C-alpha atoms as a PDB file:
ATOM      1  CA  UNK A   1       0.073  -0.044  -0.116  1.00  0.00           C
ATOM      2  CA  UNK A   2       2.817   1.963   0.817  1.00  0.00           C
ATOM      3  CA  UNK A   3       4.153   1.832  -2.379  1.00  0.00           C
ATOM      4  CA  UNK A   4       1.056   2.715  -4.131  1.00  0.00           C
ATOM      5  CA  UNK A   5       0.544   5.819  -2.178  1.00  0.00           C
ATOM      6  CA  UNK A   6       4.130   6.871  -3.289  1.00  0.00           C
ATOM      7  CA  UNK A   7       3.331   6.405  -6.669  1.00  0.00           C
ATOM      8  CA  UNK A   8       0.178   8.483  -6.737  1.00  0.00           C
ATOM      9  CA  UNK A   9       2.140  11.353  -5.077  1.00  0.00           C
ATOM     10  CA  UNK A  10       4.609  10.961  -7.750  1.00  0.00           C
ATOM     11  CA  UNK A  11       2.007  11.137 -10.343  1.00  0.00           C
ATOM     12  CA  UNK A  12       0.502  14.344  -9.254  1.00  0.00           C
ATOM     13  CA  UNK A  13       3.770  15.827  -8.663  1.00  0.00           C
ATOM     14  CA  UNK A  14       4.558  14.917 -12.643  1.00  0.00           C
ATOM     15  CA  UNK A  15       0.788  16.745 -13.840  1.00  0.00           C
ATOM     16  CA  UNK A  16       2.186  20.243 -11.591  1.00  0.00           C
ATOM     17  CA  UNK A  17       5.470  19.825 -13.486  1.00  0.00           C
ATOM     18  CA  UNK A  18       3.448  19.210 -16.702  1.00  0.00           C
ATOM     19  CA  UNK A  19       1.080  22.566 -15.895  1.00  0.00           C
ATOM     20  CA  UNK A  20       3.940  24.733 -15.276  1.00  0.00           C
ATOM     21  CA  UNK A  21       5.873  23.478 -18.626  1.00  0.00           C
ATOM     22  CA  UNK A  22       2.790  23.809 -20.955  1.00  0.00           C
ATOM     23  CA  UNK A  23       3.428  26.548 -23.530  1.00  0.00           C
ATOM     24  CA  UNK A  24       3.302  29.966 -22.400  1.00  0.00           C
ATOM     25  CA  UNK A  25       1.610  33.315 -23.771  1.00  0.00           C
ATOM     26  CA  UNK A  26       5.704  34.582 -23.896  1.00  0.00           C
ATOM     27  CA  UNK A  27       7.512  31.213 -24.705  1.00  0.00           C
ATOM     28  CA  UNK A  28      11.276  31.798 -23.259  1.00  0.00           C
ATOM     29  CA  UNK A  29      13.906  32.098 -25.736  1.00  0.00           C
ATOM     30  CA  UNK A  30      15.006  29.064 -27.997  1.00  0.00           C
ATOM     31  CA  UNK A  31      17.299  26.273 -26.449  1.00  0.00           C
ATOM     32  CA  UNK A  32      15.651  27.212 -23.090  1.00  0.00           C
ATOM     33  CA  UNK A  33      12.984  24.618 -21.519  1.00  0.00           C
ATOM     34  CA  UNK A  34      14.353  21.712 -23.072  1.00  0.00           C
ATOM     35  CA  UNK A  35      15.943  20.460 -20.016  1.00  0.00           C
ATOM     36  CA  UNK A  36      12.171  20.657 -18.525  1.00  0.00           C
ATOM     37  CA  UNK A  37      10.831  18.373 -21.387  1.00  0.00           C
ATOM     38  CA  UNK A  38      13.854  15.865 -20.911  1.00  0.00           C
ATOM     39  CA  UNK A  39      13.557  15.876 -17.109  1.00  0.00           C
ATOM     40  CA  UNK A  40       9.700  15.109 -17.321  1.00  0.00           C
ATOM     41  CA  UNK A  41      10.323  12.221 -19.876  1.00  0.00           C
ATOM     42  CA  UNK A  42      12.506  10.844 -17.919  1.00  0.00           C
ATOM     43  CA  UNK A  43      10.383  11.136 -14.749  1.00  0.00           C
ATOM     44  CA  UNK A  44       7.884   9.406 -16.636  1.00  0.00           C
ATOM     45  CA  UNK A  45       9.703   6.573 -17.830  1.00  0.00           C
ATOM     46  CA  UNK A  46      10.533   6.076 -14.292  1.00  0.00           C
ATOM     47  CA  UNK A  47       7.001   6.073 -12.858  1.00  0.00           C
ATOM     48  CA  UNK A  48       6.103   3.493 -15.700  1.00  0.00           C
ATOM     49  CA  UNK A  49       8.735   1.653 -14.949  1.00  0.00           C
ATOM     50  CA  UNK A  50       8.384   1.236 -11.570  1.00  0.00           C
ATOM     51  CA  UNK A  51       4.355   0.576 -12.018  1.00  0.00           C
ATOM     52  CA  UNK A  52       5.127  -2.494 -14.292  1.00  0.00           C
ATOM     53  CA  UNK A  53       7.213  -4.017 -12.099  1.00  0.00           C
ATOM     54  CA  UNK A  54       5.173  -3.640  -9.390  1.00  0.00           C
ATOM     55  CA  UNK A  55       1.959  -4.583 -11.287  1.00  0.00           C
ATOM     56  CA  UNK A  56       3.627  -8.063 -12.201  1.00  0.00           C
ATOM     57  CA  UNK A  57       4.658  -8.420  -8.394  1.00  0.00           C
ATOM     58  CA  UNK A  58       0.900  -8.541  -7.243  1.00  0.00           C
ATOM     59  CA  UNK A  59       0.745 -11.891  -9.447  1.00  0.00           C
ATOM     60  CA  UNK A  60       2.970 -13.922  -7.515  1.00  0.00           C
ATOM     61  CA  UNK A  61       0.625 -15.524  -4.906  1.00  0.00           C
ATOM     62  CA  UNK A  62       1.728 -19.132  -5.076  1.00  0.00           C
ATOM     63  CA  UNK A  63       3.548 -20.766  -2.276  1.00  0.00           C
ATOM     64  CA  UNK A  64       7.494 -20.739  -3.566  1.00  0.00           C
ATOM     65  CA  UNK A  65       7.235 -17.250  -5.917  1.00  0.00           C
ATOM     66  CA  UNK A  66       9.382 -15.162  -3.605  1.00  0.00           C
ATOM     67  CA  UNK A  67      12.086 -18.103  -3.893  1.00  0.00           C
ATOM     68  CA  UNK A  68      15.195 -18.488  -5.709  1.00  0.00           C
ATOM     69  CA  UNK A  69      15.300 -20.501  -8.879  1.00  0.00           C
ATOM     70  CA  UNK A  70      17.086 -23.462 -10.362  1.00  0.00           C
ATOM     71  CA  UNK A  71      16.651 -24.081 -13.971  1.00  0.00           C
ATOM     72  CA  UNK A  72      17.460 -26.924 -15.875  1.00  0.00           C
ATOM     73  CA  UNK A  73      17.678 -27.314 -19.769  1.00  0.00           C
ATOM     74  CA  UNK A  74      17.987 -30.830 -21.376  1.00  0.00           C
ATOM     75  CA  UNK A  75      18.374 -31.372 -25.503  1.00  0.00           C
ATOM     76  CA  UNK A  76      15.746 -33.509 -26.726  1.00  0.00           C
ATOM     77  CA  UNK A  77      14.907 -34.760 -30.133  1.00  0.00           C
ATOM     78  CA  UNK A  78      17.139 -33.291 -32.847  1.00  0.00           C
ATOM     79  CA  UNK A  79      20.801 -34.471 -32.377  1.00  0.00           C
ATOM     80  CA  UNK A  80      23.275 -31.370 -32.489  1.00  0.00           C
ATOM     81  CA  UNK A  81      20.653 -29.112 -33.679  1.00  0.00           C
ATOM     82  CA  UNK A  82      18.704 -30.223 -30.453  1.00  0.00           C
ATOM     83  CA  UNK A  83      21.906 -29.542 -28.108  1.00  0.00           C
ATOM     84  CA  UNK A  84      22.668 -26.587 -30.143  1.00  0.00           C
ATOM     85  CA  UNK A  85      19.024 -25.060 -29.354  1.00  0.00           C
ATOM     86  CA  UNK A  86      19.635 -26.270 -25.599  1.00  0.00           C
ATOM     87  CA  UNK A  87      22.534 -23.561 -25.469  1.00  0.00           C
ATOM     88  CA  UNK A  88      20.600 -20.942 -27.095  1.00  0.00           C
ATOM     89  CA  UNK A  89      18.085 -21.375 -24.455  1.00  0.00           C
ATOM     90  CA  UNK A  90      20.475 -21.485 -22.051  1.00  0.00           C
ATOM     91  CA  UNK A  91      22.313 -18.111 -22.883  1.00  0.00           C
ATOM     92  CA  UNK A  92      18.525 -16.698 -23.225  1.00  0.00           C
ATOM     93  CA  UNK A  93      17.712 -17.335 -20.066  1.00  0.00           C
ATOM     94  CA  UNK A  94      21.275 -16.215 -18.413  1.00  0.00           C
ATOM     95  CA  UNK A  95      20.649 -12.824 -20.276  1.00  0.00           C
ATOM     96  CA  UNK A  96      16.811 -12.433 -18.871  1.00  0.00           C
ATOM     97  CA  UNK A  97      18.246 -13.280 -15.649  1.00  0.00           C
ATOM     98  CA  UNK A  98      20.947 -10.575 -15.747  1.00  0.00           C
ATOM     99  CA  UNK A  99      18.417  -7.978 -17.363  1.00  0.00           C
ATOM    100  CA  UNK A 100      16.636  -8.705 -14.218  1.00  0.00           C
ATOM    101  CA  UNK A 101      19.455  -8.358 -11.753  1.00  0.00           C
ATOM    102  CA  UNK A 102      19.429 -11.751 -10.653  1.00  0.00           C
ATOM    103  CA  UNK A 103      22.671 -13.251  -9.651  1.00  0.00           C
ATOM    104  CA  UNK A 104      23.799 -16.513 -11.472  1.00  0.00           C
ATOM    105  CA  UNK A 105      25.591 -19.571 -10.797  1.00  0.00           C
ATOM    106  CA  UNK A 106      26.445 -22.245 -13.048  1.00  0.00           C
ATOM    107  CA  UNK A 107      25.582 -25.740 -11.290  1.00  0.00           C
ATOM    108  CA  UNK A 108      26.463 -28.232 -14.287  1.00  0.00           C
ATOM    109  CA  UNK A 109      26.865 -28.047 -18.146  1.00  0.00           C
ATOM    110  CA  UNK A 110      27.288 -30.916 -20.106  1.00  0.00           C
ATOM    111  CA  UNK A 111      28.718 -30.154 -23.410  1.00  0.00           C
ATOM    112  CA  UNK A 112      28.777 -31.730 -26.501  1.00  0.00           C
ATOM    113  CA  UNK A 113      32.113 -31.775 -27.895  1.00  0.00           C
ATOM    114  CA  UNK A 114      31.487 -31.185 -31.537  1.00  0.00           C
ATOM    115  CA  UNK A 115      28.998 -28.166 -29.975  1.00  0.00           C
ATOM    116  CA  UNK A 116      25.995 -27.264 -27.752  1.00  0.00           C
ATOM    117  CA  UNK A 117      25.025 -28.969 -24.424  1.00  0.00           C
ATOM    118  CA  UNK A 118      23.126 -32.146 -23.622  1.00  0.00           C
ATOM    119  CA  UNK A 119      22.343 -30.360 -20.500  1.00  0.00           C
ATOM    120  CA  UNK A 120      22.786 -27.316 -18.104  1.00  0.00           C
ATOM    121  CA  UNK A 121      21.548 -26.207 -14.496  1.00  0.00           C
ATOM    122  CA  UNK A 122      22.047 -22.897 -13.138  1.00  0.00           C
ATOM    123  CA  UNK A 123      20.612 -21.440  -9.967  1.00  0.00           C
ATOM    124  CA  UNK A 124      18.994 -17.664 -10.177  1.00  0.00           C
ATOM    125  CA  UNK A 125      19.451 -15.740  -7.160  1.00  0.00           C
ATOM    126  CA  UNK A 126      16.953 -12.524  -6.990  1.00  0.00           C
ATOM    127  CA  UNK A 127      13.549 -11.086  -6.031  1.00  0.00           C
ATOM    128  CA  UNK A 128      11.070 -13.626  -7.075  1.00  0.00           C
ATOM    129  CA  UNK A 129      13.198 -15.398  -9.307  1.00  0.00           C
ATOM    130  CA  UNK A 130      10.864 -18.188  -9.091  1.00  0.00           C
ATOM    131  CA  UNK A 131       8.098 -16.529  -9.402  1.00  0.00           C
ATOM    132  CA  UNK A 132       9.250 -15.129 -12.718  1.00  0.00           C
ATOM    133  CA  UNK A 133      10.479 -17.855 -14.400  1.00  0.00           C
ATOM    134  CA  UNK A 134       8.457 -21.166 -13.902  1.00  0.00           C
ATOM    135  CA  UNK A 135       6.473 -19.867 -16.507  1.00  0.00           C
ATOM    136  CA  UNK A 136       9.246 -21.159 -18.974  1.00  0.00           C
ATOM    137  CA  UNK A 137       9.030 -24.610 -17.695  1.00  0.00           C
ATOM    138  CA  UNK A 138       7.798 -26.964 -20.757  1.00  0.00           C
ATOM    139  CA  UNK A 139       8.978 -27.978 -24.233  1.00  0.00           C
ATOM    140  CA  UNK A 140      10.599 -25.143 -26.215  1.00  0.00           C
ATOM    141  CA  UNK A 141      10.634 -25.619 -29.864  1.00  0.00           C
ATOM    142  CA  UNK A 142      12.652 -24.306 -32.512  1.00  0.00           C
ATOM    143  CA  UNK A 143      12.289 -24.613 -36.367  1.00  0.00           C
ATOM    144  CA  UNK A 144      15.325 -23.098 -38.622  1.00  0.00           C
ATOM    145  CA  UNK A 145      17.518 -24.042 -41.412  1.00  0.00           C
ATOM    146  CA  UNK A 146      19.980 -26.152 -39.998  1.00  0.00           C
ATOM    147  CA  UNK A 147      23.506 -25.192 -39.910  1.00  0.00           C
ATOM    148  CA  UNK A 148      24.935 -28.504 -39.200  1.00  0.00           C
ATOM    149  CA  UNK A 149      24.000 -29.883 -42.250  1.00  0.00           C
ATOM    150  CA  UNK A 150      25.417 -29.053 -45.787  1.00  0.00           C
ATOM    151  CA  UNK A 151      21.877 -28.820 -47.270  1.00  0.00           C
ATOM    152  CA  UNK A 152      20.891 -26.692 -44.789  1.00  0.00           C
ATOM    153  CA  UNK A 153      17.281 -28.694 -44.411  1.00  0.00           C
ATOM    154  CA  UNK A 154      14.529 -27.266 -42.421  1.00  0.00           C
ATOM    155  CA  UNK A 155      14.857 -28.493 -39.054  1.00  0.00           C
ATOM    156  CA  UNK A 156      12.804 -29.080 -35.838  1.00  0.00           C
ATOM    157  CA  UNK A 157      14.678 -29.629 -32.533  1.00  0.00           C
ATOM    158  CA  UNK A 158      13.265 -29.699 -29.058  1.00  0.00           C
ATOM    159  CA  UNK A 159      14.474 -28.877 -25.591  1.00  0.00           C
ATOM    160  CA  UNK A 160      12.962 -28.940 -21.808  1.00  0.00           C
ATOM    161  CA  UNK A 161      13.391 -26.370 -19.204  1.00  0.00           C
ATOM    162  CA  UNK A 162      12.922 -27.583 -15.695  1.00  0.00           C
ATOM    163  CA  UNK A 163      12.234 -24.782 -13.219  1.00  0.00           C
ATOM    164  CA  UNK A 164      12.511 -25.379  -9.562  1.00  0.00           C
ATOM    165  CA  UNK A 165      12.217 -23.639  -6.303  1.00  0.00           C
ATOM    166  CA  UNK A 166      15.528 -23.494  -3.930  1.00  0.00           C
ATOM    167  CA  UNK A 167      13.764 -24.589  -1.140  1.00  0.00           C
ATOM    168  CA  UNK A 168      14.722 -23.938   2.795  1.00  0.00           C
ATOM    169  CA  UNK A 169      15.920 -26.466   4.594  1.00  0.00           C
ATOM    170  CA  UNK A 170      12.420 -26.493   6.727  1.00  0.00           C
ATOM    171  CA  UNK A 171      10.656 -26.748   3.682  1.00  0.00           C
ATOM    172  CA  UNK A 172      12.703 -30.062   1.978  1.00  0.00           C
ATOM    173  CA  UNK A 173      10.969 -32.919   1.299  1.00  0.00           C
ATOM    174  CA  UNK A 174      12.295 -35.811   3.433  1.00  0.00           C
ATOM    175  CA  UNK A 175      14.066 -38.696   1.883  1.00  0.00           C
ATOM    176  CA  UNK A 176      14.679 -42.125   3.426  1.00  0.00           C
ATOM    177  CA  UNK A 177      18.855 -42.420   2.546  1.00  0.00           C
ATOM    178  CA  UNK A 178      17.816 -46.269   1.690  1.00  0.00           C
ATOM    179  CA  UNK A 179      15.763 -44.993  -1.282  1.00  0.00           C
ATOM    180  CA  UNK A 180      18.960 -43.104  -2.746  1.00  0.00           C
ATOM    181  CA  UNK A 181      21.556 -44.523  -5.080  1.00  0.00           C
ATOM    182  CA  UNK A 182      24.680 -42.801  -5.450  1.00  0.00           C
ATOM    183  CA  UNK A 183      27.339 -43.061  -8.102  1.00  0.00           C
ATOM    184  CA  UNK A 184      30.453 -41.171  -8.818  1.00  0.00           C
ATOM    185  CA  UNK A 185      32.516 -40.737 -11.427  1.00  0.00           C
ATOM    186  CA  UNK A 186      35.565 -39.032 -13.097  1.00  0.00           C
ATOM    187  CA  UNK A 187      34.357 -35.658 -14.962  1.00  0.00           C
ATOM    188  CA  UNK A 188      34.664 -35.164 -18.247  1.00  0.00           C
ATOM    189  CA  UNK A 189      35.474 -31.684 -19.779  1.00  0.00           C
ATOM    190  CA  UNK A 190      35.929 -30.348 -23.626  1.00  0.00           C
ATOM    191  CA  UNK A 191      36.115 -33.146 -25.994  1.00  0.00           C
ATOM    192  CA  UNK A 192      35.527 -36.035 -23.566  1.00  0.00           C
ATOM    193  CA  UNK A 193      39.250 -35.326 -21.180  1.00  0.00           C
ATOM    194  CA  UNK A 194      38.919 -36.252 -17.644  1.00  0.00           C
ATOM    195  CA  UNK A 195      38.845 -32.827 -15.487  1.00  0.00           C
ATOM    196  CA  UNK A 196      40.402 -34.685 -13.153  1.00  0.00           C
ATOM    197  CA  UNK A 197      41.630 -38.114 -11.940  1.00  0.00           C
ATOM    198  CA  UNK A 198      39.231 -38.169  -8.809  1.00  0.00           C
ATOM    199  CA  UNK A 199      35.326 -39.416  -8.636  1.00  0.00           C
ATOM    200  CA  UNK A 200      33.905 -36.190  -8.588  1.00  0.00           C
ATOM    201  CA  UNK A 201      30.629 -36.411 -10.529  1.00  0.00           C
ATOM    202  CA  UNK A 202      27.900 -37.754  -9.275  1.00  0.00           C
ATOM    203  CA  UNK A 203      24.551 -39.480 -10.149  1.00  0.00           C
ATOM    204  CA  UNK A 204      21.926 -39.908  -7.603  1.00  0.00           C
ATOM    205  CA  UNK A 205      18.685 -42.082  -8.427  1.00  0.00           C
ATOM    206  CA  UNK A 206      15.706 -41.639  -5.956  1.00  0.00           C
ATOM    207  CA  UNK A 207      14.560 -45.642  -6.609  1.00  0.00           C
ATOM    208  CA  UNK A 208      10.883 -45.424  -6.041  1.00  0.00           C
ATOM    209  CA  UNK A 209      10.056 -42.427  -8.146  1.00  0.00           C
ATOM    210  CA  UNK A 210      13.312 -42.770 -10.666  1.00  0.00           C
ATOM    211  CA  UNK A 211      13.921 -39.468 -10.413  1.00  0.00           C
ATOM    212  CA  UNK A 212      17.965 -38.765 -11.551  1.00  0.00           C
ATOM    213  CA  UNK A 213      20.030 -36.338 -11.074  1.00  0.00           C
ATOM    214  CA  UNK A 214      23.350 -35.551 -12.496  1.00  0.00           C
ATOM    215  CA  UNK A 215      26.237 -33.200 -11.324  1.00  0.00           C
ATOM    216  CA  UNK A 216      29.677 -32.569 -13.195  1.00  0.00           C
ATOM    217  CA  UNK A 217      31.635 -29.642 -12.392  1.00  0.00           C
ATOM    218  CA  UNK A 218      35.470 -28.965 -11.484  1.00  0.00           C
ATOM    219  CA  UNK A 219      34.775 -29.327  -7.952  1.00  0.00           C
ATOM    220  CA  UNK A 220      34.423 -31.550  -5.250  1.00  0.00           C
ATOM    221  CA  UNK A 221      32.410 -34.686  -4.717  1.00  0.00           C
ATOM    222  CA  UNK A 222      31.145 -33.623  -1.909  1.00  0.00           C
ATOM    223  CA  UNK A 223      30.105 -30.135  -3.289  1.00  0.00           C
ATOM    224  CA  UNK A 224      28.576 -31.864  -6.418  1.00  0.00           C
ATOM    225  CA  UNK A 225      26.705 -34.313  -3.848  1.00  0.00           C
ATOM    226  CA  UNK A 226      25.063 -31.654  -2.050  1.00  0.00           C
ATOM    227  CA  UNK A 227      23.898 -29.973  -5.062  1.00  0.00           C
ATOM    228  CA  UNK A 228      22.638 -32.952  -6.581  1.00  0.00           C
ATOM    229  CA  UNK A 229      20.798 -33.306  -3.230  1.00  0.00           C
ATOM    230  CA  UNK A 230      18.988 -30.119  -3.536  1.00  0.00           C
ATOM    231  CA  UNK A 231      18.429 -30.691  -6.825  1.00  0.00           C
ATOM    232  CA  UNK A 232      16.671 -33.965  -6.261  1.00  0.00           C
ATOM    233  CA  UNK A 233      15.096 -32.775  -3.294  1.00  0.00           C
ATOM    234  CA  UNK A 234      13.213 -29.770  -5.054  1.00  0.00           C
ATOM    235  CA  UNK A 235      12.540 -32.133  -7.785  1.00  0.00           C
ATOM    236  CA  UNK A 236      10.649 -34.979  -5.285  1.00  0.00           C
ATOM    237  CA  UNK A 237       9.013 -31.820  -3.584  1.00  0.00           C
ATOM    238  CA  UNK A 238       7.269 -30.697  -6.785  1.00  0.00           C
ATOM    239  CA  UNK A 239       6.359 -33.935  -7.831  1.00  0.00           C
ATOM    240  CA  UNK A 240       4.826 -34.544  -4.743  1.00  0.00           C
ATOM    241  CA  UNK A 241       2.620 -31.219  -4.992  1.00  0.00           C
ATOM    242  CA  UNK A 242       2.176 -31.832  -8.839  1.00  0.00           C
ATOM    243  CA  UNK A 243       0.256 -35.441  -7.622  1.00  0.00           C
ATOM    244  CA  UNK A 244      -1.794 -33.189  -5.518  1.00  0.00           C
ATOM    245  CA  UNK A 245      -2.677 -30.815  -8.011  1.00  0.00           C
ATOM    246  CA  UNK A 246      -3.146 -33.637 -10.588  1.00  0.00           C
ATOM    247  CA  UNK A 247      -5.546 -35.401  -8.947  1.00  0.00           C
ATOM    248  CA  UNK A 248      -7.513 -32.437  -8.702  1.00  0.00           C
ATOM    249  CA  UNK A 249      -7.424 -31.466 -12.140  1.00  0.00           C
ATOM    250  CA  UNK A 250      -7.836 -35.179 -13.484  1.00  0.00           C
ATOM    251  CA  UNK A 251     -11.271 -34.556 -11.868  1.00  0.00           C
ATOM    252  CA  UNK A 252     -12.420 -32.061 -14.219  1.00  0.00           C
ATOM    253  CA  UNK A 253     -10.138 -33.433 -17.220  1.00  0.00           C
ATOM    254  CA  UNK A 254      -7.450 -30.363 -17.534  1.00  0.00           C
ATOM    255  CA  UNK A 255      -4.259 -32.163 -16.431  1.00  0.00           C
ATOM    256  CA  UNK A 256      -1.465 -32.010 -18.516  1.00  0.00           C
ATOM    257  CA  UNK A 257       2.308 -33.114 -17.643  1.00  0.00           C
ATOM    258  CA  UNK A 258       4.939 -31.039 -17.443  1.00  0.00           C
ATOM    259  CA  UNK A 259       7.097 -33.469 -19.017  1.00  0.00           C
ATOM    260  CA  UNK A 260       7.980 -33.818 -22.963  1.00  0.00           C
ATOM    261  CA  UNK A 261       4.545 -33.899 -24.118  1.00  0.00           C
ATOM    262  CA  UNK A 262       3.756 -30.152 -22.973  1.00  0.00           C
ATOM    263  CA  UNK A 263       4.841 -28.007 -25.864  1.00  0.00           C
ATOM    264  CA  UNK A 264       4.601 -24.689 -24.195  1.00  0.00           C
ATOM    265  CA  UNK A 265       6.386 -22.313 -27.238  1.00  0.00           C
ATOM    266  CA  UNK A 266       7.447 -22.296 -30.498  1.00  0.00           C
ATOM    267  CA  UNK A 267      10.822 -20.646 -32.436  1.00  0.00           C
ATOM    268  CA  UNK A 268       9.895 -20.607 -35.880  1.00  0.00           C
ATOM    269  CA  UNK A 269      13.203 -18.625 -37.923  1.00  0.00           C
ATOM    270  CA  UNK A 270      12.542 -20.194 -41.109  1.00  0.00           C
ATOM    271  CA  UNK A 271      10.201 -19.645 -43.980  1.00  0.00           C
ATOM    272  CA  UNK A 272       9.375 -16.859 -41.342  1.00  0.00           C
ATOM    273  CA  UNK A 273      10.141 -15.371 -37.799  1.00  0.00           C
ATOM    274  CA  UNK A 274       7.410 -15.737 -35.102  1.00  0.00           C
ATOM    275  CA  UNK A 275       7.662 -16.530 -31.457  1.00  0.00           C
ATOM    276  CA  UNK A 276       4.398 -18.283 -30.291  1.00  0.00           C
ATOM    277  CA  UNK A 277       3.064 -19.110 -27.002  1.00  0.00           C
ATOM    278  CA  UNK A 278       0.467 -22.121 -26.907  1.00  0.00           C
ATOM    279  CA  UNK A 279      -0.534 -21.390 -23.748  1.00  0.00           C
ATOM    280  CA  UNK A 280      -1.624 -17.874 -24.017  1.00  0.00           C
ATOM    281  CA  UNK A 281      -1.504 -16.993 -27.827  1.00  0.00           C
ATOM    282  CA  UNK A 282       0.660 -14.177 -27.496  1.00  0.00           C
ATOM    283  CA  UNK A 283       3.292 -13.884 -30.356  1.00  0.00           C
ATOM    284  CA  UNK A 284       5.971 -11.844 -31.536  1.00  0.00           C
ATOM    285  CA  UNK A 285       8.138 -11.729 -34.697  1.00  0.00           C
ATOM    286  CA  UNK A 286      11.273 -10.173 -32.980  1.00  0.00           C
ATOM    287  CA  UNK A 287      12.818 -13.610 -32.407  1.00  0.00           C
ATOM    288  CA  UNK A 288      16.611 -11.992 -31.827  1.00  0.00           C
ATOM    289  CA  UNK A 289      15.189  -9.778 -28.822  1.00  0.00           C
ATOM    290  CA  UNK A 290      13.498 -12.520 -27.108  1.00  0.00           C
ATOM    291  CA  UNK A 291      16.400 -15.360 -27.654  1.00  0.00           C
ATOM    292  CA  UNK A 292      18.387 -12.307 -26.468  1.00  0.00           C
ATOM    293  CA  UNK A 293      16.509 -12.635 -22.994  1.00  0.00           C
ATOM    294  CA  UNK A 294      13.634 -10.068 -23.574  1.00  0.00           C
ATOM    295  CA  UNK A 295      11.082 -12.555 -21.743  1.00  0.00           C
ATOM    296  CA  UNK A 296       9.098 -10.137 -20.122  1.00  0.00           C
ATOM    297  CA  UNK A 297       5.943  -9.892 -21.929  1.00  0.00           C
ATOM    298  CA  UNK A 298       5.844 -13.893 -22.536  1.00  0.00           C
ATOM    299  CA  UNK A 299       6.325 -13.936 -18.740  1.00  0.00           C
ATOM    300  CA  UNK A 300       3.514 -11.255 -17.587  1.00  0.00           C
ATOM    301  CA  UNK A 301       1.126 -12.646 -20.430  1.00  0.00           C
ATOM    302  CA  UNK A 302       1.494 -15.946 -19.051  1.00  0.00           C
ATOM    303  CA  UNK A 303       1.022 -14.473 -15.217  1.00  0.00           C
ATOM    304  CA  UNK A 304      -1.660 -12.543 -16.277  1.00  0.00           C
ATOM    305  CA  UNK A 305      -3.631 -15.850 -17.379  1.00  0.00           C
ATOM    306  CA  UNK A 306      -3.250 -17.409 -14.272  1.00  0.00           C
ATOM    307  CA  UNK A 307      -4.659 -14.675 -11.865  1.00  0.00           C
END
């Protein structure tokens, strides 16, 4: 409420400044008054930005919206094209996070020596990071002329994006240690060479659900295991809550899986340029801006559709 009162006060002050700067019977000499105009424009743009940011924040009412986020990207069908697409998406989300002022930490980056990534995971820390990024969970499809074959044929590639909240310790899903299978191996770097001679790369499997998490980084096995456990815990917590939601939605025939069958957005580069969200029908031809992290409109439309 305090924010809206302050914003209203600033708007009233801006209106007064506009009145004072209105054309006078005897206008000032040429060159004078330009600063006033630019100052008014600057004040207006600041008010507009503050309003939009706060308007969007009113959509954040879900349990974990104010949490930090874990973002995982997995290449899907499409071979090298899909792995390149996964890397493009990784860059897109890192750019979005940077523009929103989020701090990012790359947890895992499983690269293909020939190009692109098989999978990658990073954490985004900042105000409502999960609230903003949760709308990106699902399958993203790319249609383009392939840069990876001599004929440059039109190819369709897929990547799966998973978004999880970073849980506080008291929120964590309780896991029976007997339900976890632990595997360790040497981490691989570019070209498949070993990053180190210790078994630092880890893979955790939750036996009852079959969910697996792999972490490979130039760090100790203990650190990788802690990160893998954090992600596995978040996945199991989300799975538990999704089961509860699914049970309710199935009664109404509205349930959709968040896995590979749920395509949320298409990015078409050929024969025309178009990015379309299949949940809201919002679309734009500014594909370069979108891939550079300009996701605000897509996210806002999704949040509005759920409010």
